[in-house]
Amino acid sequence: MQWETVIGLEVHVQLATRSKIFSGASTAFGAEPNTQACAVDLGLPGVLPVLNEAAVAMAVQFGLGIHAEIPEVSVFDRKNYFYPDLPKGYQTSQMYQPIVGPGEVEITLEDGSTKRIRVHHAHLEEDAGKSLHEDFHGMTGIDLNRAGTPLLEIVSEPDMRSAKEAAAYLKAIHSIVTYLGISDGNMAEGSMRCDVNVSVRPAGQEAFGTRAEIKNVNSFRFVERAIAFEVERQIELIEDGGEVVQETRLYDPEADETRSMRTKEEANDYRYFPCPDLLPVVLDQAYVDHLRDNLPELPAEKRARFEGELGLSAYDAGVLSASRAMAEYFEAVKEVCGDAKLAANWVQGELSGALNREGLAIDDSPVSAAQLGELVARVKDETINGKAAKQVFQALWHHEGDSADAIIEAKGLKQVTDTGAIEAMIDQVIADSPAQVAQYRDAEPDKRGKMIGYFVGQVMKASRGTANPQQVNALLKEKLDALC
């Protein structure tokens, strides 16, 4: 039987506010346990929450960024459940009237085609604390620093049909929130994680199958692997005569498998009701328009501009616009060197290769955009050739000079373009290579092109790599053909 996979994601994005959603406690990462949880976060008697306006603005910005409906009124609800890291016994969330209504996100697939994924809604809520199991010898420690941290939960429709599509959607969400500056998107620090809803159904069937929810997956790669395992598990279960149970599962990356955690709860299990301590949030049109007018250029717009105005290929534009940091670095290089295509080649090639080898983000690059732009400019104006440019890049990477020009001068890498000087080197190489010259002369004309490489190499060696390769090739062919 042919099976179809159906996937929906609930993405939890930590908003980049300095204080929590209902209190003034800090949201800074890395503090000692339980040093950033105040009386409001702990739910002590007599305290009242105060809504953080910055979190509201960030949620609305996201909604505008995905062309979503922004309701005039949204309401906070209490989601009631007991867990040790939830000191109040409830989580303040938005169940019935969320702050962001239906929208859509465009994803780019591996073959270059695009697909629109519908977003059902996005709502504001507070995070819970964190349970720590590793260092307590059979007991559990509770760190409440994250309690009250503002989250935007983005709920998709079940529009994805493969693990690749799900990963592409998650990357698109990551790109949007980091472009907007409403989250740092750092998945390793918990700033972004997702719950993955997966089901399978026979190809052609309209009704959905029973879904399993995989909780708290925190990397693009793990999303793909978790879905791949879960799809295979569900298909095997059904084909063996069993039934998929609606449940919550956990993905174990070390074992590369999902495991059952608990039977899936329904909304009525949480006894949602409107939060009596918080008034409805009412947004006037002027407020929404102000936020819309101040939105930055988003990934899709930047990608279109890179293609239309700068003449980049769809692939190059997609790669360079996927990350705000990458896009800003590329544009800074382009401004210095004045050549978008050359800048794109160097940013995606030499720079990205070095960053990947060292495991560095582009923000941590040892070579600044200004330095790389100057280097690319020297390639463009033929001050140096490609081989010398790579030497200069390595010198910049290892802090062997402040600028490309200084390194070029210090290492004597300026390209020799003087025809007389190149001809003298060519004449010497020809004189020193009688056997190779004879082979060239005796070869069929259509075979000589490959044989010229030996002479080019000798001339480049004599010039210590500084001779202009195009001039060397042209002059060599002229002089060798004259001997035939």
Protein backbone atom coordinates (compact mmCIF):
# COMPACT_ATOMS: atom_id res chain seq x y z
CA MET A 1 0.00 0.00 0.00
CA GLN A 2 1.14 3.53 -0.74
CA TRP A 3 1.10 5.84 2.28
CA GLU A 4 0.96 9.61 2.60
CA THR A 5 2.54 11.47 5.51
CA VAL A 6 0.68 14.39 7.12
CA ILE A 7 2.66 16.79 9.32
CA GLY A 8 1.83 19.88 11.33
CA LEU A 9 4.24 21.84 13.55
CA GLU A 10 3.74 23.84 16.72
CA VAL A 11 6.81 26.08 16.92
CA HIS A 12 7.66 27.72 20.25
CA VAL A 13 9.68 30.89 19.81
CA GLN A 14 11.20 32.66 22.81
CA LEU A 15 10.68 36.38 22.30
CA ALA A 16 13.70 38.64 22.70
CA THR A 17 12.35 40.77 25.53
CA ARG A 18 14.67 41.73 28.38
CA SER A 19 12.06 40.88 31.00
CA LYS A 20 9.39 38.21 31.30
CA ILE A 21 5.91 38.35 29.87
CA PHE A 22 4.12 39.14 33.15
CA SER A 23 6.93 40.30 35.47
CA GLY A 24 10.10 42.38 35.53
CA ALA A 25 12.42 39.40 36.09
CA SER A 26 15.30 39.02 33.63
CA THR A 27 15.21 36.61 30.69
CA ALA A 28 19.03 36.52 30.25
CA PHE A 29 20.38 33.05 29.44
CA GLY A 30 22.88 31.21 31.63
CA ALA A 31 22.12 32.54 35.12
CA GLU A 32 22.49 30.35 38.19
CA PRO A 33 19.36 28.23 38.81
CA ASN A 34 16.45 29.98 40.50
CA THR A 35 18.07 33.43 40.52
CA GLN A 36 15.72 34.93 37.91
CA ALA A 37 12.31 33.92 39.22
CA CYS A 38 10.38 36.59 41.13
CA ALA A 39 7.20 36.42 43.22
CA VAL A 40 4.99 36.74 40.11
CA ASP A 41 6.79 33.88 38.32
CA LEU A 42 6.44 31.71 41.43
CA GLY A 43 2.72 32.48 41.77
CA LEU A 44 2.98 33.61 45.37
CA PRO A 45 -0.22 34.79 47.08
CA GLY A 46 -1.27 38.37 46.39
CA VAL A 47 0.76 38.95 43.23
CA LEU A 48 -0.73 40.09 39.92
CA PRO A 49 0.68 39.78 36.40
CA VAL A 50 1.38 42.85 34.24
CA LEU A 51 1.56 42.23 30.47
CA ASN A 52 4.85 43.11 28.77
CA GLU A 53 3.97 45.44 25.87
CA ALA A 54 7.17 44.48 23.99
CA ALA A 55 5.94 40.88 23.76
CA VAL A 56 2.66 42.09 22.26
CA ALA A 57 4.50 44.20 19.67
CA MET A 58 6.74 41.28 18.70
CA ALA A 59 3.78 38.94 18.26
CA VAL A 60 2.01 41.47 16.03
CA GLN A 61 5.20 41.99 14.00
CA PHE A 62 5.35 38.26 13.35
CA GLY A 63 1.72 38.23 12.29
CA LEU A 64 2.35 41.08 9.86
CA GLY A 65 5.44 39.28 8.57
CA ILE A 66 3.37 36.24 7.53
CA HIS A 67 0.46 38.33 6.18
CA ALA A 68 -1.81 37.07 8.93
CA GLU A 69 -5.03 38.50 10.27
CA ILE A 70 -4.43 40.61 13.38
CA PRO A 71 -7.58 40.49 15.54
CA GLU A 72 -8.58 43.68 17.32
CA VAL A 73 -9.13 41.77 20.57
CA SER A 74 -7.18 38.86 22.04
CA VAL A 75 -7.66 37.20 25.42
CA PHE A 76 -5.43 35.30 27.85
CA ASP A 77 -6.61 31.97 29.28
CA ARG A 78 -5.42 29.69 32.03
CA LYS A 79 -4.29 26.21 31.00
CA ASN A 80 -4.51 24.11 34.16
CA TYR A 81 -2.24 21.15 34.83
CA PHE A 82 0.07 19.93 37.56
CA TYR A 83 3.79 19.55 37.00
CA PRO A 84 6.70 20.29 39.37
CA ASP A 85 8.17 23.01 37.13
CA LEU A 86 4.83 24.89 36.94
CA PRO A 87 4.59 26.48 40.41
CA LYS A 88 1.24 28.24 39.84
CA GLY A 89 -0.51 25.04 38.76
CA TYR A 90 -1.53 26.71 35.48
CA GLN A 91 0.08 28.27 32.43
CA THR A 92 -1.17 31.60 31.14
CA SER A 93 -1.76 31.13 27.42
CA GLN A 94 -4.28 32.03 24.69
CA MET A 95 -6.70 29.30 23.67
CA TYR A 96 -9.83 30.87 22.21
CA GLN A 97 -8.83 34.36 21.01
CA PRO A 98 -5.11 34.37 20.03
CA ILE A 99 -3.21 37.53 19.11
CA VAL A 100 -2.38 36.36 15.53
CA GLY A 101 -4.94 34.80 13.21
CA PRO A 102 -4.53 32.79 9.97
CA GLY A 103 -1.49 33.50 7.79
CA GLU A 104 0.93 31.67 5.54
CA VAL A 105 4.62 30.92 5.10
CA GLU A 106 6.28 30.17 1.77
CA ILE A 107 8.92 27.45 1.77
CA THR A 108 11.46 26.54 -0.90
CA LEU A 109 11.83 22.84 -1.68
CA GLU A 110 14.98 21.00 -2.75
CA ASP A 111 14.09 21.19 -6.45
CA GLY A 112 13.75 24.98 -6.26
CA SER A 113 9.94 24.98 -6.32
CA THR A 114 7.95 26.75 -3.61
CA LYS A 115 4.98 25.75 -1.47
CA ARG A 116 2.73 27.76 0.83
CA ILE A 117 2.16 26.39 4.33
CA ARG A 118 -0.87 27.79 6.14
CA VAL A 119 -0.48 29.05 9.69
CA HIS A 120 -3.63 28.45 11.75
CA HIS A 121 -2.72 31.03 14.40
CA ALA A 122 0.01 32.19 16.76
CA HIS A 123 -0.55 32.89 20.43
CA LEU A 124 1.37 34.36 23.36
CA GLU A 125 2.07 32.31 26.46
CA GLU A 126 4.49 31.98 29.34
CA ASP A 127 7.11 29.24 29.52
CA ALA A 128 7.34 26.80 32.41
CA GLY A 129 10.45 26.06 34.44
CA LYS A 130 12.87 23.24 33.73
CA SER A 131 13.25 19.84 35.38
CA LEU A 132 16.86 18.65 35.82
CA HIS A 133 17.52 14.95 36.25
CA GLU A 134 21.24 14.41 35.62
CA ASP A 135 22.99 15.51 38.82
CA PHE A 136 20.56 14.65 41.58
CA HIS A 137 21.10 10.90 42.13
CA GLY A 138 17.61 9.59 41.56
CA MET A 139 15.89 12.89 42.37
CA THR A 140 14.81 15.80 40.17
CA GLY A 141 15.95 19.40 40.51
CA ILE A 142 13.73 22.31 39.44
CA ASP A 143 15.12 25.51 37.88
CA LEU A 144 12.42 28.17 37.62
CA ASN A 145 14.50 30.77 35.75
CA ARG A 146 12.51 30.10 32.54
CA ALA A 147 9.12 30.34 34.31
CA GLY A 148 7.33 33.31 32.79
CA THR A 149 9.64 33.66 29.78
CA PRO A 150 7.56 34.99 26.86
CA LEU A 151 6.82 32.52 24.09
CA LEU A 152 5.05 32.87 20.77
CA GLU A 153 3.58 29.51 19.77
CA ILE A 154 3.07 29.29 16.00
CA VAL A 155 0.61 26.57 14.99
CA SER A 156 0.62 25.40 11.38
CA GLU A 157 -2.11 23.63 9.48
CA PRO A 158 -1.30 19.97 8.63
CA ASP A 159 0.00 21.00 5.19
CA MET A 160 3.42 19.32 5.14
CA ARG A 161 3.87 15.97 3.45
CA SER A 162 7.49 15.05 4.15
CA ALA A 163 10.27 15.50 6.69
CA LYS A 164 12.08 17.76 4.19
CA GLU A 165 9.06 20.05 3.94
CA ALA A 166 8.78 20.21 7.74
CA ALA A 167 12.46 21.15 8.07
CA ALA A 168 12.08 23.79 5.33
CA TYR A 169 9.07 25.27 7.13
CA LEU A 170 10.95 25.38 10.44
CA LYS A 171 13.90 27.08 8.73
CA ALA A 172 11.54 29.63 7.17
CA ILE A 173 10.03 30.43 10.58
CA HIS A 174 13.54 30.75 12.03
CA SER A 175 14.51 33.11 9.23
CA ILE A 176 11.43 35.30 9.70
CA VAL A 177 11.75 35.69 13.48
CA THR A 178 15.48 36.45 13.31
CA TYR A 179 15.00 38.96 10.46
CA LEU A 180 12.32 40.68 12.55
CA GLY A 181 14.66 40.65 15.55
CA ILE A 182 11.92 39.24 17.79
CA SER A 183 14.02 36.16 18.72
CA ASP A 184 17.65 35.09 18.45
CA GLY A 185 16.41 31.67 17.27
CA ASN A 186 19.16 29.90 19.24
CA MET A 187 17.86 26.34 19.34
CA ALA A 188 20.74 25.13 21.53
CA GLU A 189 19.65 27.58 24.26
CA GLY A 190 15.96 26.74 23.91
CA SER A 191 14.99 29.94 22.11
CA MET A 192 13.20 27.90 19.48
CA ARG A 193 11.81 24.39 19.65
CA CYS A 194 8.85 22.59 18.18
CA ASP A 195 6.27 19.90 18.71
CA VAL A 196 5.77 17.74 15.63
CA ASN A 197 2.36 16.20 14.86
CA VAL A 198 2.71 13.20 12.54
CA SER A 199 0.16 10.84 11.02
CA VAL A 200 -0.06 8.60 7.97
CA ARG A 201 -2.96 7.70 5.70
CA PRO A 202 -3.43 5.58 2.58
CA ALA A 203 -2.63 7.60 -0.55
CA GLY A 204 -5.81 9.20 -1.87
CA GLN A 205 -7.69 9.07 1.44
CA GLU A 206 -9.07 12.43 2.59
CA ALA A 207 -9.57 11.63 6.26
CA PHE A 208 -6.54 12.09 8.48
CA GLY A 209 -4.99 9.20 10.34
CA THR A 210 -4.46 9.17 14.11
CA ARG A 211 -1.57 11.47 14.97
CA ALA A 212 1.25 11.26 17.45
CA GLU A 213 2.85 14.42 18.85
CA ILE A 214 6.63 14.45 19.27
CA LYS A 215 7.48 17.03 21.96
CA ASN A 216 10.29 19.57 22.18
CA VAL A 217 12.44 18.79 19.15
CA ASN A 218 15.25 21.34 19.10
CA SER A 219 17.12 21.15 15.79
CA PHE A 220 16.34 21.08 12.08
CA ARG A 221 18.17 17.76 11.71
CA PHE A 222 16.35 16.14 14.63
CA VAL A 223 12.98 17.20 13.18
CA GLU A 224 13.78 15.30 9.98
CA ARG A 225 15.06 12.24 11.82
CA ALA A 226 12.18 12.15 14.31
CA ILE A 227 9.60 12.34 11.51
CA ALA A 228 11.38 9.66 9.47
CA PHE A 229 11.37 7.27 12.44
CA GLU A 230 7.79 8.03 13.43
CA VAL A 231 6.42 7.57 9.89
CA GLU A 232 8.13 4.20 9.59
CA ARG A 233 6.87 3.18 13.05
CA GLN A 234 3.26 4.07 12.26
CA ILE A 235 3.24 2.36 8.85
CA GLU A 236 4.74 -0.84 10.27
CA LEU A 237 2.25 -0.79 13.14
CA ILE A 238 -0.76 -0.44 10.83
CA GLU A 239 0.49 -2.99 8.29
CA ASP A 240 1.03 -5.49 11.12
CA GLY A 241 -2.62 -5.14 12.12
CA GLY A 242 -2.20 -2.67 14.97
CA GLU A 243 -3.62 0.82 15.50
CA VAL A 244 -1.84 4.12 16.07
CA VAL A 245 -2.71 5.58 19.48
CA GLN A 246 -3.04 9.34 19.89
CA GLU A 247 -0.23 10.08 22.30
CA THR A 248 2.68 12.32 23.16
CA ARG A 249 6.11 10.94 22.30
CA LEU A 250 9.70 11.97 22.93
CA TYR A 251 12.50 11.83 20.36
CA ASP A 252 15.80 10.35 21.59
CA PRO A 253 18.55 11.53 19.20
CA GLU A 254 21.13 9.08 20.56
CA ALA A 255 18.92 6.06 19.91
CA ASP A 256 17.33 7.80 16.88
CA GLU A 257 13.85 6.75 17.94
CA THR A 258 10.65 8.13 19.41
CA ARG A 259 9.29 6.78 22.69
CA SER A 260 5.85 7.05 24.27
CA MET A 261 5.53 9.61 27.09
CA ARG A 262 1.79 9.76 27.83
CA THR A 263 -1.64 9.52 26.25
CA LYS A 264 -2.41 12.70 24.31
CA GLU A 265 -4.45 15.20 26.30
CA GLU A 266 -7.41 17.05 24.81
CA ALA A 267 -8.22 20.72 25.40
CA ASN A 268 -10.92 19.86 27.94
CA ASP A 269 -8.33 18.02 30.03
CA TYR A 270 -6.71 21.39 30.76
CA ARG A 271 -9.96 23.10 31.87
CA TYR A 272 -9.18 26.31 29.98
CA PHE A 273 -10.95 29.45 31.18
CA PRO A 274 -10.29 33.20 30.70
CA CYS A 275 -7.57 34.51 33.01
CA PRO A 276 -9.29 36.68 35.65
CA ASP A 277 -6.10 38.69 36.33
CA LEU A 278 -5.55 40.00 32.78
CA LEU A 279 -7.76 42.26 30.71
CA PRO A 280 -8.36 41.55 27.02
CA VAL A 281 -5.69 43.02 24.73
CA VAL A 282 -7.23 45.60 22.38
CA LEU A 283 -5.12 46.74 19.40
CA ASP A 284 -6.14 49.89 17.54
CA GLN A 285 -5.41 50.20 13.83
CA ALA A 286 -2.91 53.03 14.31
CA TYR A 287 -0.78 50.78 16.55
CA VAL A 288 -0.81 47.94 14.00
CA ASP A 289 -0.06 50.33 11.13
CA HIS A 290 2.90 51.78 13.02
CA LEU A 291 4.37 48.29 13.47
CA ARG A 292 3.70 47.45 9.81
CA ASP A 293 5.44 50.65 8.63
CA ASN A 294 8.55 49.76 10.62
CA LEU A 295 8.95 46.15 9.50
CA PRO A 296 12.40 45.34 8.09
CA GLU A 297 12.88 43.79 4.65
CA LEU A 298 11.96 40.13 5.15
CA PRO A 299 13.60 37.04 3.57
CA ALA A 300 11.21 36.67 0.61
CA GLU A 301 11.51 40.37 -0.27
CA LYS A 302 15.28 40.31 0.07
CA ARG A 303 15.53 37.18 -2.08
CA ALA A 304 13.45 38.85 -4.80
CA ARG A 305 15.63 41.98 -4.66
CA PHE A 306 18.84 39.96 -4.87
CA GLU A 307 17.50 38.30 -8.02
CA GLY A 308 15.87 41.34 -9.63
CA GLU A 309 18.22 44.19 -8.76
CA LEU A 310 21.55 42.41 -8.26
CA GLY A 311 21.12 39.75 -10.96
CA LEU A 312 21.90 36.79 -8.70
CA SER A 313 20.62 33.33 -9.55
CA ALA A 314 17.61 32.00 -7.64
CA TYR A 315 19.91 29.59 -5.81
CA ASP A 316 22.43 32.26 -4.77
CA ALA A 317 19.68 34.65 -3.73
CA GLY A 318 18.02 31.94 -1.65
CA VAL A 319 21.21 30.97 0.17
CA LEU A 320 22.31 34.53 0.86
CA SER A 321 18.89 35.71 2.09
CA ALA A 322 18.12 32.72 4.31
CA SER A 323 19.91 34.29 7.28
CA ARG A 324 19.79 37.97 8.19
CA ALA A 325 23.42 37.87 9.32
CA MET A 326 24.50 36.26 6.04
CA ALA A 327 22.50 38.74 3.96
CA GLU A 328 23.91 41.74 5.80
CA TYR A 329 27.48 40.41 5.49
CA PHE A 330 27.05 39.79 1.76
CA GLU A 331 25.59 43.25 1.14
CA ALA A 332 28.48 44.85 3.03
CA VAL A 333 31.02 42.92 0.90
CA LYS A 334 29.14 43.93 -2.27
CA GLU A 335 29.18 47.61 -1.28
CA VAL A 336 32.96 47.57 -0.90
CA CYS A 337 33.85 45.56 -4.03
CA GLY A 338 31.05 46.76 -6.31
CA ASP A 339 30.37 43.32 -7.82
CA ALA A 340 27.39 41.32 -6.51
CA LYS A 341 28.26 38.06 -8.28
CA LEU A 342 31.90 38.05 -7.17
CA ALA A 343 30.82 38.93 -3.63
CA ALA A 344 28.27 36.09 -3.66
CA ASN A 345 30.88 33.61 -4.89
CA TRP A 346 33.36 34.51 -2.16
CA VAL A 347 30.81 34.62 0.67
CA GLN A 348 29.31 31.25 -0.30
CA GLY A 349 32.63 29.71 -1.27
CA GLU A 350 35.83 30.57 0.56
CA LEU A 351 34.20 32.26 3.56
CA SER A 352 31.41 29.72 4.18
CA GLY A 353 33.85 26.84 3.73
CA ALA A 354 36.19 28.27 6.36
CA LEU A 355 33.31 28.97 8.76
CA ASN A 356 32.00 25.41 8.38
CA ARG A 357 35.45 23.89 8.98
CA GLU A 358 35.86 25.90 12.17
CA GLY A 359 32.24 25.51 13.30
CA LEU A 360 31.75 29.29 13.42
CA ALA A 361 28.70 31.45 12.80
CA ILE A 362 29.12 34.28 10.32
CA ASP A 363 28.86 36.80 13.17
CA ASP A 364 32.07 35.28 14.55
CA SER A 365 34.02 35.39 11.27
CA PRO A 366 37.69 36.41 11.75
CA VAL A 367 37.45 38.14 8.36
CA SER A 368 35.20 41.20 8.41
CA ALA A 369 32.93 42.11 5.52
CA ALA A 370 35.08 45.19 4.85
CA GLN A 371 38.24 43.06 4.64
CA LEU A 372 36.63 40.53 2.32
CA GLY A 373 35.16 43.30 0.19
CA GLU A 374 38.60 44.82 -0.30
CA LEU A 375 40.02 41.42 -1.20
CA VAL A 376 37.29 40.79 -3.78
CA ALA A 377 37.89 44.27 -5.20
CA ARG A 378 41.55 43.36 -5.80
CA VAL A 379 40.46 40.23 -7.66
CA LYS A 380 38.04 42.31 -9.73
CA ASP A 381 40.64 44.93 -10.73
CA GLU A 382 43.20 42.14 -11.41
CA THR A 383 45.65 43.35 -8.79
CA ILE A 384 45.87 39.68 -7.74
CA ASN A 385 44.82 36.42 -9.35
CA GLY A 386 42.59 33.74 -7.85
CA LYS A 387 45.44 31.70 -6.37
CA ALA A 388 46.97 34.73 -4.66
CA ALA A 389 43.53 35.80 -3.42
CA LYS A 390 43.19 32.53 -1.51
CA GLN A 391 46.56 33.18 0.13
CA VAL A 392 45.39 36.64 1.15
CA PHE A 393 42.14 35.23 2.55
CA GLN A 394 44.06 32.72 4.69
CA ALA A 395 46.33 35.50 5.97
CA LEU A 396 43.28 37.60 6.91
CA TRP A 397 41.65 34.58 8.56
CA HIS A 398 44.74 34.02 10.72
CA HIS A 399 45.10 37.73 11.56
CA GLU A 400 48.34 38.15 9.63
CA GLY A 401 47.36 41.64 8.50
CA ASP A 402 44.69 44.29 8.89
CA SER A 403 43.82 44.65 5.22
CA ALA A 404 44.04 42.79 1.94
CA ASP A 405 46.17 45.57 0.44
CA ALA A 406 48.72 45.37 3.25
CA ILE A 407 49.01 41.58 2.89
CA ILE A 408 49.32 41.79 -0.91
CA GLU A 409 52.14 44.31 -0.53
CA ALA A 410 53.93 42.44 2.26
CA LYS A 411 53.83 39.09 0.46
CA GLY A 412 54.60 40.46 -3.00
CA LEU A 413 51.44 39.00 -4.49
CA LYS A 414 50.61 41.70 -7.02
CA GLN A 415 49.74 40.16 -10.34
CA VAL A 416 52.26 40.61 -13.14
CA THR A 417 50.38 42.01 -16.12
CA ASP A 418 53.35 43.54 -17.94
CA THR A 419 53.41 41.76 -21.31
CA GLY A 420 57.17 42.11 -21.67
CA ALA A 421 57.88 40.52 -18.30
CA ILE A 422 55.49 37.62 -19.02
CA GLU A 423 56.95 37.07 -22.48
CA ALA A 424 60.46 36.88 -20.99
CA MET A 425 59.33 34.15 -18.58
CA ILE A 426 57.56 32.28 -21.39
CA ASP A 427 60.64 32.42 -23.61
CA GLN A 428 62.74 31.00 -20.79
CA VAL A 429 60.29 28.15 -20.12
CA ILE A 430 60.14 27.26 -23.83
CA ALA A 431 63.94 27.28 -24.03
CA ASP A 432 64.18 25.00 -20.98
CA SER A 433 61.57 22.52 -22.29
CA PRO A 434 62.73 21.21 -25.71
CA ALA A 435 61.14 17.77 -25.25
CA GLN A 436 57.74 19.19 -24.33
CA VAL A 437 57.92 21.68 -27.20
CA ALA A 438 58.63 18.84 -29.61
CA GLN A 439 55.64 16.87 -28.29
CA TYR A 440 53.43 19.92 -28.67
CA ARG A 441 54.66 20.51 -32.24
CA ASP A 442 54.07 16.87 -33.24
CA ALA A 443 50.58 16.62 -31.69
CA GLU A 444 47.34 16.97 -33.59
CA PRO A 445 46.02 20.56 -33.37
CA ASP A 446 42.95 19.47 -31.39
CA LYS A 447 45.20 17.78 -28.77
CA ARG A 448 47.48 20.75 -28.12
CA GLY A 449 45.01 22.53 -25.83
CA LYS A 450 45.50 19.95 -23.09
CA MET A 451 49.28 19.95 -23.49
CA ILE A 452 49.62 23.68 -22.89
CA GLY A 453 48.91 23.14 -19.19
CA TYR A 454 52.49 22.03 -18.56
CA PHE A 455 53.89 25.30 -19.90
CA VAL A 456 51.35 27.39 -17.99
CA GLY A 457 52.36 25.66 -14.78
CA GLN A 458 56.05 26.34 -15.40
CA VAL A 459 55.41 30.03 -16.11
CA MET A 460 53.24 30.40 -13.00
CA LYS A 461 55.96 28.70 -10.98
CA ALA A 462 58.59 31.07 -12.39
CA SER A 463 56.39 34.04 -11.48
CA ARG A 464 55.66 32.62 -8.01
CA GLY A 465 51.98 32.56 -8.96
CA THR A 466 51.77 36.27 -9.74
CA ALA A 467 51.52 36.19 -13.53
CA ASN A 468 48.11 36.89 -15.04
CA PRO A 469 46.85 33.40 -16.07
CA GLN A 470 44.77 34.68 -18.99
CA GLN A 471 47.74 36.55 -20.46
CA VAL A 472 50.01 33.57 -19.88
CA ASN A 473 47.62 31.24 -21.72
CA ALA A 474 47.15 33.58 -24.66
CA LEU A 475 50.86 34.41 -25.11
CA LEU A 476 51.95 30.79 -24.71
CA LYS A 477 49.52 29.57 -27.36
CA GLU A 478 50.70 32.28 -29.72
CA LYS A 479 54.40 31.48 -29.24
CA LEU A 480 54.02 27.68 -29.28
CA ASP A 481 51.81 27.71 -32.36
CA ALA A 482 54.42 29.85 -34.10
CA LEU A 483 56.93 27.01 -33.59
CA CYS A 484 54.66 24.43 -35.26
